[in-house]
ModelCIF file with pLDDT and N, C-alpha, C, O atoms, coordinates in Angstrom:
data_MODEL
#
_entry.id   MODEL 
#
_entity.id                         1 
_entity.type                       polymer 
_entity.pdbx_number_of_molecules   1 
#
_entity_poly.entity_id                      1 
_entity_poly.type                           'polypeptide(L)' 
_entity_poly.nstd_linkage                   no 
_entity_poly.nstd_monomer                   no 
_entity_poly.pdbx_seq_one_letter_code       ALGKHCAALGYPFTVDTTQKFREGSSFDMGDAAGQFAYIEDPDGTLI 
_entity_poly.pdbx_seq_one_letter_code_can   ALGKHCAALGYPFTVDTTQKFREGSSFDMGDAAGQFAYIEDPDGTLI 
_entity_poly.pdbx_strand_id                 A 
#
loop_
_entity_poly_seq.entity_id 
_entity_poly_seq.num 
_entity_poly_seq.mon_id 
_entity_poly_seq.hetero 
1 1  ALA n 
1 2  LEU n 
1 3  GLY n 
1 4  LYS n 
1 5  HIS n 
1 6  CYS n 
1 7  ALA n 
1 8  ALA n 
1 9  LEU n 
1 10 GLY n 
1 11 TYR n 
1 12 PRO n 
1 13 PHE n 
1 14 THR n 
1 15 VAL n 
1 16 ASP n 
1 17 THR n 
1 18 THR n 
1 19 GLN n 
1 20 LYS n 
1 21 PHE n 
1 22 ARG n 
1 23 GLU n 
1 24 GLY n 
1 25 SER n 
1 26 SER n 
1 27 PHE n 
1 28 ASP n 
1 29 MET n 
1 30 GLY n 
1 31 ASP n 
1 32 ALA n 
1 33 ALA n 
1 34 GLY n 
1 35 GLN n 
1 36 PHE n 
1 37 ALA n 
1 38 TYR n 
1 39 ILE n 
1 40 GLU n 
1 41 ASP n 
1 42 PRO n 
1 43 ASP n 
1 44 GLY n 
1 45 THR n 
1 46 LEU n 
1 47 ILE n 
#
_struct_asym.id          A 
_struct_asym.entity_id   1 
#
loop_
_ma_qa_metric.id 
_ma_qa_metric.mode 
_ma_qa_metric.name 
_ma_qa_metric.software_group_id 
_ma_qa_metric.type 
1 global pLDDT . pLDDT 
2 local  pLDDT . pLDDT 
#
_ma_qa_metric_global.metric_id      1 
_ma_qa_metric_global.metric_value   82.28 
_ma_qa_metric_global.model_id       1 
_ma_qa_metric_global.ordinal_id     1 
#
loop_
_ma_qa_metric_local.label_asym_id 
_ma_qa_metric_local.label_comp_id 
_ma_qa_metric_local.label_seq_id 
_ma_qa_metric_local.metric_id 
_ma_qa_metric_local.metric_value 
_ma_qa_metric_local.model_id 
_ma_qa_metric_local.ordinal_id 
A ALA 1  2 95.00 1 1  
A LEU 2  2 96.00 1 2  
A GLY 3  2 95.00 1 3  
A LYS 4  2 95.00 1 4  
A HIS 5  2 97.00 1 5  
A CYS 6  2 97.00 1 6  
A ALA 7  2 97.00 1 7  
A ALA 8  2 97.00 1 8  
A LEU 9  2 98.00 1 9  
A GLY 10 2 98.00 1 10 
A TYR 11 2 98.00 1 11 
A PRO 12 2 97.00 1 12 
A PHE 13 2 97.00 1 13 
A THR 14 2 96.00 1 14 
A VAL 15 2 94.00 1 15 
A ASP 16 2 91.00 1 16 
A THR 17 2 87.00 1 17 
A THR 18 2 81.00 1 18 
A GLN 19 2 73.00 1 19 
A LYS 20 2 61.00 1 20 
A PHE 21 2 49.00 1 21 
A ARG 22 2 49.00 1 22 
A GLU 23 2 47.00 1 23 
A GLY 24 2 47.00 1 24 
A SER 25 2 50.00 1 25 
A SER 26 2 48.00 1 26 
A PHE 27 2 54.00 1 27 
A ASP 28 2 54.00 1 28 
A MET 29 2 51.00 1 29 
A GLY 30 2 52.00 1 30 
A ASP 31 2 58.00 1 31 
A ALA 32 2 60.00 1 32 
A ALA 33 2 70.00 1 33 
A GLY 34 2 80.00 1 34 
A GLN 35 2 90.00 1 35 
A PHE 36 2 93.00 1 36 
A ALA 37 2 96.00 1 37 
A TYR 38 2 97.00 1 38 
A ILE 39 2 98.00 1 39 
A GLU 40 2 98.00 1 40 
A ASP 41 2 98.00 1 41 
A PRO 42 2 98.00 1 42 
A ASP 43 2 98.00 1 43 
A GLY 44 2 98.00 1 44 
A THR 45 2 98.00 1 45 
A LEU 46 2 98.00 1 46 
A ILE 47 2 98.00 1 47 
#
loop_
_atom_site.group_PDB 
_atom_site.id 
_atom_site.type_symbol 
_atom_site.label_atom_id 
_atom_site.label_alt_id 
_atom_site.label_comp_id 
_atom_site.label_asym_id 
_atom_site.label_entity_id 
_atom_site.label_seq_id 
_atom_site.pdbx_PDB_ins_code 
_atom_site.Cartn_x 
_atom_site.Cartn_y 
_atom_site.Cartn_z 
_atom_site.occupancy 
_atom_site.B_iso_or_equiv 
_atom_site.pdbx_formal_charge 
_atom_site.auth_seq_id 
_atom_site.auth_comp_id 
_atom_site.auth_asym_id 
_atom_site.auth_atom_id 
_atom_site.pdbx_PDB_model_num 
ATOM 1   N N  . ALA A 1 1  ? 0.906  -1.209  -0.064 1.00 95.00 ? 1  ALA A N  1 
ATOM 2   C CA . ALA A 1 1  ? -0.185 0.188   0.103  1.00 95.00 ? 1  ALA A CA 1 
ATOM 3   C C  . ALA A 1 1  ? 0.832  1.157   -0.127 1.00 95.00 ? 1  ALA A C  1 
ATOM 4   O O  . ALA A 1 1  ? 0.714  1.904   -1.098 1.00 95.00 ? 1  ALA A O  1 
ATOM 5   N N  . LEU A 1 2  ? 1.987  1.265   0.764  1.00 96.00 ? 2  LEU A N  1 
ATOM 6   C CA . LEU A 1 2  ? 2.775  2.477   0.607  1.00 96.00 ? 2  LEU A CA 1 
ATOM 7   C C  . LEU A 1 2  ? 3.476  2.784   -0.731 1.00 96.00 ? 2  LEU A C  1 
ATOM 8   O O  . LEU A 1 2  ? 3.607  3.904   -1.224 1.00 96.00 ? 2  LEU A O  1 
ATOM 9   N N  . GLY A 1 3  ? 3.906  1.614   -1.242 1.00 95.00 ? 3  GLY A N  1 
ATOM 10  C CA . GLY A 1 3  ? 4.275  1.511   -2.493 1.00 95.00 ? 3  GLY A CA 1 
ATOM 11  C C  . GLY A 1 3  ? 3.374  2.429   -3.601 1.00 95.00 ? 3  GLY A C  1 
ATOM 12  O O  . GLY A 1 3  ? 3.746  3.316   -4.369 1.00 95.00 ? 3  GLY A O  1 
ATOM 13  N N  . LYS A 1 4  ? 2.056  1.853   -3.364 1.00 95.00 ? 4  LYS A N  1 
ATOM 14  C CA . LYS A 1 4  ? 1.100  2.572   -4.354 1.00 95.00 ? 4  LYS A CA 1 
ATOM 15  C C  . LYS A 1 4  ? 1.068  3.948   -3.995 1.00 95.00 ? 4  LYS A C  1 
ATOM 16  O O  . LYS A 1 4  ? 0.959  4.724   -4.945 1.00 95.00 ? 4  LYS A O  1 
ATOM 17  N N  . HIS A 1 5  ? 1.133  4.426   -2.890 1.00 97.00 ? 5  HIS A N  1 
ATOM 18  C CA . HIS A 1 5  ? 0.832  5.869   -2.587 1.00 97.00 ? 5  HIS A CA 1 
ATOM 19  C C  . HIS A 1 5  ? 2.180  6.515   -3.000 1.00 97.00 ? 5  HIS A C  1 
ATOM 20  O O  . HIS A 1 5  ? 2.157  7.391   -3.865 1.00 97.00 ? 5  HIS A O  1 
ATOM 21  N N  . CYS A 1 6  ? 3.162  6.199   -2.527 1.00 97.00 ? 6  CYS A N  1 
ATOM 22  C CA . CYS A 1 6  ? 4.305  6.857   -3.419 1.00 97.00 ? 6  CYS A CA 1 
ATOM 23  C C  . CYS A 1 6  ? 4.271  7.071   -4.698 1.00 97.00 ? 6  CYS A C  1 
ATOM 24  O O  . CYS A 1 6  ? 4.392  8.189   -5.198 1.00 97.00 ? 6  CYS A O  1 
ATOM 25  N N  . ALA A 1 7  ? 4.101  5.996   -5.340 1.00 97.00 ? 7  ALA A N  1 
ATOM 26  C CA . ALA A 1 7  ? 4.241  6.022   -6.953 1.00 97.00 ? 7  ALA A CA 1 
ATOM 27  C C  . ALA A 1 7  ? 3.005  7.078   -6.986 1.00 97.00 ? 7  ALA A C  1 
ATOM 28  O O  . ALA A 1 7  ? 3.432  8.163   -7.383 1.00 97.00 ? 7  ALA A O  1 
ATOM 29  N N  . ALA A 1 8  ? 1.601  7.119   -6.698 1.00 97.00 ? 8  ALA A N  1 
ATOM 30  C CA . ALA A 1 8  ? 0.742  7.975   -6.908 1.00 97.00 ? 8  ALA A CA 1 
ATOM 31  C C  . ALA A 1 8  ? 0.968  9.421   -7.012 1.00 97.00 ? 8  ALA A C  1 
ATOM 32  O O  . ALA A 1 8  ? 0.461  10.284  -7.729 1.00 97.00 ? 8  ALA A O  1 
ATOM 33  N N  . LEU A 1 9  ? 1.992  9.452   -5.975 1.00 98.00 ? 9  LEU A N  1 
ATOM 34  C CA . LEU A 1 9  ? 2.212  10.995  -5.648 1.00 98.00 ? 9  LEU A CA 1 
ATOM 35  C C  . LEU A 1 9  ? 3.943  11.401  -6.430 1.00 98.00 ? 9  LEU A C  1 
ATOM 36  O O  . LEU A 1 9  ? 4.650  12.368  -6.148 1.00 98.00 ? 9  LEU A O  1 
ATOM 37  N N  . GLY A 1 10 ? 4.166  10.550  -7.210 1.00 98.00 ? 10 GLY A N  1 
ATOM 38  C CA . GLY A 1 10 ? 5.377  10.930  -7.835 1.00 98.00 ? 10 GLY A CA 1 
ATOM 39  C C  . GLY A 1 10 ? 6.763  10.411  -7.750 1.00 98.00 ? 10 GLY A C  1 
ATOM 40  O O  . GLY A 1 10 ? 7.653  10.549  -8.588 1.00 98.00 ? 10 GLY A O  1 
ATOM 41  N N  . TYR A 1 11 ? 6.824  9.653   -6.349 1.00 98.00 ? 11 TYR A N  1 
ATOM 42  C CA . TYR A 1 11 ? 7.950  9.370   -5.900 1.00 98.00 ? 11 TYR A CA 1 
ATOM 43  C C  . TYR A 1 11 ? 7.865  7.464   -5.773 1.00 98.00 ? 11 TYR A C  1 
ATOM 44  O O  . TYR A 1 11 ? 7.484  6.778   -4.825 1.00 98.00 ? 11 TYR A O  1 
ATOM 45  N N  . PRO A 1 12 ? 8.266  7.142   -6.823 1.00 97.00 ? 12 PRO A N  1 
ATOM 46  C CA . PRO A 1 12 ? 8.200  5.280   -6.645 1.00 97.00 ? 12 PRO A CA 1 
ATOM 47  C C  . PRO A 1 12 ? 9.504  4.975   -6.053 1.00 97.00 ? 12 PRO A C  1 
ATOM 48  O O  . PRO A 1 12 ? 10.500 5.689   -5.929 1.00 97.00 ? 12 PRO A O  1 
ATOM 49  N N  . PHE A 1 13 ? 9.269  3.678   -5.692 1.00 97.00 ? 13 PHE A N  1 
ATOM 50  C CA . PHE A 1 13 ? 10.287 2.879   -4.706 1.00 97.00 ? 13 PHE A CA 1 
ATOM 51  C C  . PHE A 1 13 ? 11.483 2.947   -6.092 1.00 97.00 ? 13 PHE A C  1 
ATOM 52  O O  . PHE A 1 13 ? 11.105 2.833   -7.258 1.00 97.00 ? 13 PHE A O  1 
ATOM 53  N N  . THR A 1 14 ? 12.869 3.140   -5.722 1.00 96.00 ? 14 THR A N  1 
ATOM 54  C CA . THR A 1 14 ? 13.695 3.092   -6.207 1.00 96.00 ? 14 THR A CA 1 
ATOM 55  C C  . THR A 1 14 ? 14.559 1.749   -5.994 1.00 96.00 ? 14 THR A C  1 
ATOM 56  O O  . THR A 1 14 ? 15.292 1.303   -6.876 1.00 96.00 ? 14 THR A O  1 
ATOM 57  N N  . VAL A 1 15 ? 14.420 1.235   -4.907 1.00 94.00 ? 15 VAL A N  1 
ATOM 58  C CA . VAL A 1 15 ? 14.729 -0.186  -4.244 1.00 94.00 ? 15 VAL A CA 1 
ATOM 59  C C  . VAL A 1 15 ? 13.601 -0.814  -3.716 1.00 94.00 ? 15 VAL A C  1 
ATOM 60  O O  . VAL A 1 15 ? 12.844 -0.179  -2.981 1.00 94.00 ? 15 VAL A O  1 
ATOM 61  N N  . ASP A 1 16 ? 13.355 -2.198  -4.052 1.00 91.00 ? 16 ASP A N  1 
ATOM 62  C CA . ASP A 1 16 ? 12.071 -2.707  -3.049 1.00 91.00 ? 16 ASP A CA 1 
ATOM 63  C C  . ASP A 1 16 ? 12.052 -4.242  -3.644 1.00 91.00 ? 16 ASP A C  1 
ATOM 64  O O  . ASP A 1 16 ? 11.872 -4.764  -4.744 1.00 91.00 ? 16 ASP A O  1 
ATOM 65  N N  . THR A 1 17 ? 12.406 -4.768  -1.994 1.00 87.00 ? 17 THR A N  1 
ATOM 66  C CA . THR A 1 17 ? 12.730 -6.145  -1.869 1.00 87.00 ? 17 THR A CA 1 
ATOM 67  C C  . THR A 1 17 ? 11.364 -6.886  -2.207 1.00 87.00 ? 17 THR A C  1 
ATOM 68  O O  . THR A 1 17 ? 11.479 -8.111  -2.200 1.00 87.00 ? 17 THR A O  1 
ATOM 69  N N  . THR A 1 18 ? 10.045 -6.383  -2.513 1.00 81.00 ? 18 THR A N  1 
ATOM 70  C CA . THR A 1 18 ? 9.393  -7.410  -2.857 1.00 81.00 ? 18 THR A CA 1 
ATOM 71  C C  . THR A 1 18 ? 9.260  -7.506  -4.459 1.00 81.00 ? 18 THR A C  1 
ATOM 72  O O  . THR A 1 18 ? 8.559  -8.415  -4.905 1.00 81.00 ? 18 THR A O  1 
ATOM 73  N N  . GLN A 1 19 ? 9.755  -6.812  -5.152 1.00 73.00 ? 19 GLN A N  1 
ATOM 74  C CA . GLN A 1 19 ? 9.973  -7.195  -6.306 1.00 73.00 ? 19 GLN A CA 1 
ATOM 75  C C  . GLN A 1 19 ? 10.874 -8.505  -6.766 1.00 73.00 ? 19 GLN A C  1 
ATOM 76  O O  . GLN A 1 19 ? 10.866 -9.075  -7.857 1.00 73.00 ? 19 GLN A O  1 
ATOM 77  N N  . LYS A 1 20 ? 11.646 -8.795  -5.595 1.00 61.00 ? 20 LYS A N  1 
ATOM 78  C CA . LYS A 1 20 ? 12.422 -9.979  -5.843 1.00 61.00 ? 20 LYS A CA 1 
ATOM 79  C C  . LYS A 1 20 ? 11.960 -11.458 -4.885 1.00 61.00 ? 20 LYS A C  1 
ATOM 80  O O  . LYS A 1 20 ? 12.287 -12.629 -5.080 1.00 61.00 ? 20 LYS A O  1 
ATOM 81  N N  . PHE A 1 21 ? 11.106 -10.871 -3.836 1.00 49.00 ? 21 PHE A N  1 
ATOM 82  C CA . PHE A 1 21 ? 10.549 -11.615 -2.947 1.00 49.00 ? 21 PHE A CA 1 
ATOM 83  C C  . PHE A 1 21 ? 9.079  -11.507 -2.804 1.00 49.00 ? 21 PHE A C  1 
ATOM 84  O O  . PHE A 1 21 ? 8.737  -10.346 -2.579 1.00 49.00 ? 21 PHE A O  1 
ATOM 85  N N  . ARG A 1 22 ? 8.030  -12.419 -2.870 1.00 49.00 ? 22 ARG A N  1 
ATOM 86  C CA . ARG A 1 22 ? 6.557  -12.206 -3.149 1.00 49.00 ? 22 ARG A CA 1 
ATOM 87  C C  . ARG A 1 22 ? 6.220  -11.443 -1.884 1.00 49.00 ? 22 ARG A C  1 
ATOM 88  O O  . ARG A 1 22 ? 6.696  -11.711 -0.781 1.00 49.00 ? 22 ARG A O  1 
ATOM 89  N N  . GLU A 1 23 ? 5.301  -10.402 -2.153 1.00 47.00 ? 23 GLU A N  1 
ATOM 90  C CA . GLU A 1 23 ? 4.744  -9.560  -1.060 1.00 47.00 ? 23 GLU A CA 1 
ATOM 91  C C  . GLU A 1 23 ? 4.475  -10.400 0.117  1.00 47.00 ? 23 GLU A C  1 
ATOM 92  O O  . GLU A 1 23 ? 3.755  -11.383 -0.058 1.00 47.00 ? 23 GLU A O  1 
ATOM 93  N N  . GLY A 1 24 ? 4.994  -10.134 1.420  1.00 47.00 ? 24 GLY A N  1 
ATOM 94  C CA . GLY A 1 24 ? 4.639  -11.078 2.512  1.00 47.00 ? 24 GLY A CA 1 
ATOM 95  C C  . GLY A 1 24 ? 5.743  -11.991 3.065  1.00 47.00 ? 24 GLY A C  1 
ATOM 96  O O  . GLY A 1 24 ? 5.919  -12.194 4.266  1.00 47.00 ? 24 GLY A O  1 
ATOM 97  N N  . SER A 1 25 ? 6.448  -12.506 2.100  1.00 50.00 ? 25 SER A N  1 
ATOM 98  C CA . SER A 1 25 ? 7.720  -13.066 2.369  1.00 50.00 ? 25 SER A CA 1 
ATOM 99  C C  . SER A 1 25 ? 8.621  -12.209 2.991  1.00 50.00 ? 25 SER A C  1 
ATOM 100 O O  . SER A 1 25 ? 8.450  -10.998 3.129  1.00 50.00 ? 25 SER A O  1 
ATOM 101 N N  . SER A 1 26 ? 9.755  -12.965 3.431  1.00 48.00 ? 26 SER A N  1 
ATOM 102 C CA . SER A 1 26 ? 10.816 -12.222 4.191  1.00 48.00 ? 26 SER A CA 1 
ATOM 103 C C  . SER A 1 26 ? 12.251 -11.877 3.462  1.00 48.00 ? 26 SER A C  1 
ATOM 104 O O  . SER A 1 26 ? 12.745 -12.713 2.706  1.00 48.00 ? 26 SER A O  1 
ATOM 105 N N  . PHE A 1 27 ? 12.688 -11.034 3.630  1.00 54.00 ? 27 PHE A N  1 
ATOM 106 C CA . PHE A 1 27 ? 14.393 -10.611 3.199  1.00 54.00 ? 27 PHE A CA 1 
ATOM 107 C C  . PHE A 1 27 ? 15.006 -10.898 4.169  1.00 54.00 ? 27 PHE A C  1 
ATOM 108 O O  . PHE A 1 27 ? 14.750 -10.198 5.148  1.00 54.00 ? 27 PHE A O  1 
ATOM 109 N N  . ASP A 1 28 ? 15.886 -11.827 4.329  1.00 54.00 ? 28 ASP A N  1 
ATOM 110 C CA . ASP A 1 28 ? 16.867 -12.305 5.548  1.00 54.00 ? 28 ASP A CA 1 
ATOM 111 C C  . ASP A 1 28 ? 17.893 -10.907 5.620  1.00 54.00 ? 28 ASP A C  1 
ATOM 112 O O  . ASP A 1 28 ? 18.548 -10.428 4.695  1.00 54.00 ? 28 ASP A O  1 
ATOM 113 N N  . MET A 1 29 ? 17.801 -10.470 6.935  1.00 51.00 ? 29 MET A N  1 
ATOM 114 C CA . MET A 1 29 ? 18.446 -9.259  7.406  1.00 51.00 ? 29 MET A CA 1 
ATOM 115 C C  . MET A 1 29 ? 19.501 -9.928  8.672  1.00 51.00 ? 29 MET A C  1 
ATOM 116 O O  . MET A 1 29 ? 19.551 -9.317  9.740  1.00 51.00 ? 29 MET A O  1 
ATOM 117 N N  . GLY A 1 30 ? 20.144 -10.920 8.527  1.00 52.00 ? 30 GLY A N  1 
ATOM 118 C CA . GLY A 1 30 ? 20.742 -11.287 9.557  1.00 52.00 ? 30 GLY A CA 1 
ATOM 119 C C  . GLY A 1 30 ? 19.707 -12.003 10.401 1.00 52.00 ? 30 GLY A C  1 
ATOM 120 O O  . GLY A 1 30 ? 18.984 -12.917 10.005 1.00 52.00 ? 30 GLY A O  1 
ATOM 121 N N  . ASP A 1 31 ? 19.731 -11.368 11.857 1.00 58.00 ? 31 ASP A N  1 
ATOM 122 C CA . ASP A 1 31 ? 19.264 -11.703 12.967 1.00 58.00 ? 31 ASP A CA 1 
ATOM 123 C C  . ASP A 1 31 ? 17.580 -11.505 12.783 1.00 58.00 ? 31 ASP A C  1 
ATOM 124 O O  . ASP A 1 31 ? 16.716 -12.127 13.401 1.00 58.00 ? 31 ASP A O  1 
ATOM 125 N N  . ALA A 1 32 ? 17.393 -10.553 11.847 1.00 60.00 ? 32 ALA A N  1 
ATOM 126 C CA . ALA A 1 32 ? 15.837 -10.349 11.902 1.00 60.00 ? 32 ALA A CA 1 
ATOM 127 C C  . ALA A 1 32 ? 15.509 -10.860 10.146 1.00 60.00 ? 32 ALA A C  1 
ATOM 128 O O  . ALA A 1 32 ? 16.255 -11.501 9.405  1.00 60.00 ? 32 ALA A O  1 
ATOM 129 N N  . ALA A 1 33 ? 14.449 -10.433 9.926  1.00 70.00 ? 33 ALA A N  1 
ATOM 130 C CA . ALA A 1 33 ? 13.644 -10.435 8.622  1.00 70.00 ? 33 ALA A CA 1 
ATOM 131 C C  . ALA A 1 33 ? 12.560 -9.583  8.366  1.00 70.00 ? 33 ALA A C  1 
ATOM 132 O O  . ALA A 1 33 ? 11.906 -9.075  9.276  1.00 70.00 ? 33 ALA A O  1 
ATOM 133 N N  . GLY A 1 34 ? 12.311 -9.382  7.047  1.00 80.00 ? 34 GLY A N  1 
ATOM 134 C CA . GLY A 1 34 ? 11.494 -8.265  6.751  1.00 80.00 ? 34 GLY A CA 1 
ATOM 135 C C  . GLY A 1 34 ? 11.493 -8.100  5.240  1.00 80.00 ? 34 GLY A C  1 
ATOM 136 O O  . GLY A 1 34 ? 11.942 -8.962  4.485  1.00 80.00 ? 34 GLY A O  1 
ATOM 137 N N  . GLN A 1 35 ? 10.962 -6.937  4.833  1.00 90.00 ? 35 GLN A N  1 
ATOM 138 C CA . GLN A 1 35 ? 11.282 -6.168  3.686  1.00 90.00 ? 35 GLN A CA 1 
ATOM 139 C C  . GLN A 1 35 ? 11.527 -5.073  3.920  1.00 90.00 ? 35 GLN A C  1 
ATOM 140 O O  . GLN A 1 35 ? 11.225 -4.596  5.014  1.00 90.00 ? 35 GLN A O  1 
ATOM 141 N N  . PHE A 1 36 ? 12.218 -4.266  2.854  1.00 93.00 ? 36 PHE A N  1 
ATOM 142 C CA . PHE A 1 36 ? 12.626 -2.741  2.725  1.00 93.00 ? 36 PHE A CA 1 
ATOM 143 C C  . PHE A 1 36 ? 12.422 -2.509  1.288  1.00 93.00 ? 36 PHE A C  1 
ATOM 144 O O  . PHE A 1 36 ? 12.156 -3.303  0.385  1.00 93.00 ? 36 PHE A O  1 
ATOM 145 N N  . ALA A 1 37 ? 12.641 -1.009  1.284  1.00 96.00 ? 37 ALA A N  1 
ATOM 146 C CA . ALA A 1 37 ? 12.531 -0.180  0.167  1.00 96.00 ? 37 ALA A CA 1 
ATOM 147 C C  . ALA A 1 37 ? 12.695 0.970   0.308  1.00 96.00 ? 37 ALA A C  1 
ATOM 148 O O  . ALA A 1 37 ? 12.594 1.274   1.497  1.00 96.00 ? 37 ALA A O  1 
ATOM 149 N N  . TYR A 1 38 ? 12.975 2.062   -0.538 1.00 97.00 ? 38 TYR A N  1 
ATOM 150 C CA . TYR A 1 38 ? 13.377 3.215   -0.647 1.00 97.00 ? 38 TYR A CA 1 
ATOM 151 C C  . TYR A 1 38 ? 12.856 4.201   -1.591 1.00 97.00 ? 38 TYR A C  1 
ATOM 152 O O  . TYR A 1 38 ? 12.586 3.867   -2.745 1.00 97.00 ? 38 TYR A O  1 
ATOM 153 N N  . ILE A 1 39 ? 12.703 5.355   -1.182 1.00 98.00 ? 39 ILE A N  1 
ATOM 154 C CA . ILE A 1 39 ? 12.364 6.576   -2.109 1.00 98.00 ? 39 ILE A CA 1 
ATOM 155 C C  . ILE A 1 39 ? 13.459 7.750   -2.047 1.00 98.00 ? 39 ILE A C  1 
ATOM 156 O O  . ILE A 1 39 ? 14.236 7.801   -1.094 1.00 98.00 ? 39 ILE A O  1 
ATOM 157 N N  . GLU A 1 40 ? 13.492 8.514   -2.892 1.00 98.00 ? 40 GLU A N  1 
ATOM 158 C CA . GLU A 1 40 ? 14.520 9.687   -2.873 1.00 98.00 ? 40 GLU A CA 1 
ATOM 159 C C  . GLU A 1 40 ? 13.365 10.810  -2.734 1.00 98.00 ? 40 GLU A C  1 
ATOM 160 O O  . GLU A 1 40 ? 12.311 10.606  -3.336 1.00 98.00 ? 40 GLU A O  1 
ATOM 161 N N  . ASP A 1 41 ? 13.504 11.903  -2.021 1.00 98.00 ? 41 ASP A N  1 
ATOM 162 C CA . ASP A 1 41 ? 13.265 13.173  -2.085 1.00 98.00 ? 41 ASP A CA 1 
ATOM 163 C C  . ASP A 1 41 ? 13.502 13.858  -2.884 1.00 98.00 ? 41 ASP A C  1 
ATOM 164 O O  . ASP A 1 41 ? 14.547 13.632  -3.493 1.00 98.00 ? 41 ASP A O  1 
ATOM 165 N N  . PRO A 1 42 ? 12.604 15.129  -3.326 1.00 98.00 ? 42 PRO A N  1 
ATOM 166 C CA . PRO A 1 42 ? 13.019 15.622  -4.718 1.00 98.00 ? 42 PRO A CA 1 
ATOM 167 C C  . PRO A 1 42 ? 14.279 16.188  -4.910 1.00 98.00 ? 42 PRO A C  1 
ATOM 168 O O  . PRO A 1 42 ? 14.486 16.764  -5.979 1.00 98.00 ? 42 PRO A O  1 
ATOM 169 N N  . ASP A 1 43 ? 15.534 16.105  -3.708 1.00 98.00 ? 43 ASP A N  1 
ATOM 170 C CA . ASP A 1 43 ? 16.787 16.406  -4.106 1.00 98.00 ? 43 ASP A CA 1 
ATOM 171 C C  . ASP A 1 43 ? 17.726 15.466  -3.881 1.00 98.00 ? 43 ASP A C  1 
ATOM 172 O O  . ASP A 1 43 ? 18.942 15.637  -3.793 1.00 98.00 ? 43 ASP A O  1 
ATOM 173 N N  . GLY A 1 44 ? 16.799 13.958  -3.744 1.00 98.00 ? 44 GLY A N  1 
ATOM 174 C CA . GLY A 1 44 ? 17.811 12.926  -3.941 1.00 98.00 ? 44 GLY A CA 1 
ATOM 175 C C  . GLY A 1 44 ? 18.206 12.228  -2.636 1.00 98.00 ? 44 GLY A C  1 
ATOM 176 O O  . GLY A 1 44 ? 18.800 11.150  -2.609 1.00 98.00 ? 44 GLY A O  1 
ATOM 177 N N  . THR A 1 45 ? 17.776 13.027  -1.401 1.00 98.00 ? 45 THR A N  1 
ATOM 178 C CA . THR A 1 45 ? 18.032 12.275  -0.216 1.00 98.00 ? 45 THR A CA 1 
ATOM 179 C C  . THR A 1 45 ? 17.179 10.886  -0.043 1.00 98.00 ? 45 THR A C  1 
ATOM 180 O O  . THR A 1 45 ? 15.979 10.828  -0.307 1.00 98.00 ? 45 THR A O  1 
ATOM 181 N N  . LEU A 1 46 ? 17.881 9.869   0.392  1.00 98.00 ? 46 LEU A N  1 
ATOM 182 C CA . LEU A 1 46 ? 17.216 8.678   0.703  1.00 98.00 ? 46 LEU A CA 1 
ATOM 183 C C  . LEU A 1 46 ? 16.635 8.496   1.697  1.00 98.00 ? 46 LEU A C  1 
ATOM 184 O O  . LEU A 1 46 ? 17.088 8.728   2.818  1.00 98.00 ? 46 LEU A O  1 
ATOM 185 N N  . ILE A 1 47 ? 15.444 8.012   1.420  1.00 98.00 ? 47 ILE A N  1 
ATOM 186 C CA . ILE A 1 47 ? 14.200 7.592   2.742  1.00 98.00 ? 47 ILE A CA 1 
ATOM 187 C C  . ILE A 1 47 ? 14.154 6.201   2.726  1.00 98.00 ? 47 ILE A C  1 
ATOM 188 O O  . ILE A 1 47 ? 13.409 5.599   3.500  1.00 98.00 ? 47 ILE A O  1 
#
């Protein structure tokens, strides 16, 4: 839902682990697991 909202406002994910791992599955982050994504603000700052 966040990805759709960001894209609708003109700030699509530039990195998105759900593109490699199906939605709801987990990306291994060492002792933790989850999903992550990034957007850039208008000046390229990473969120």
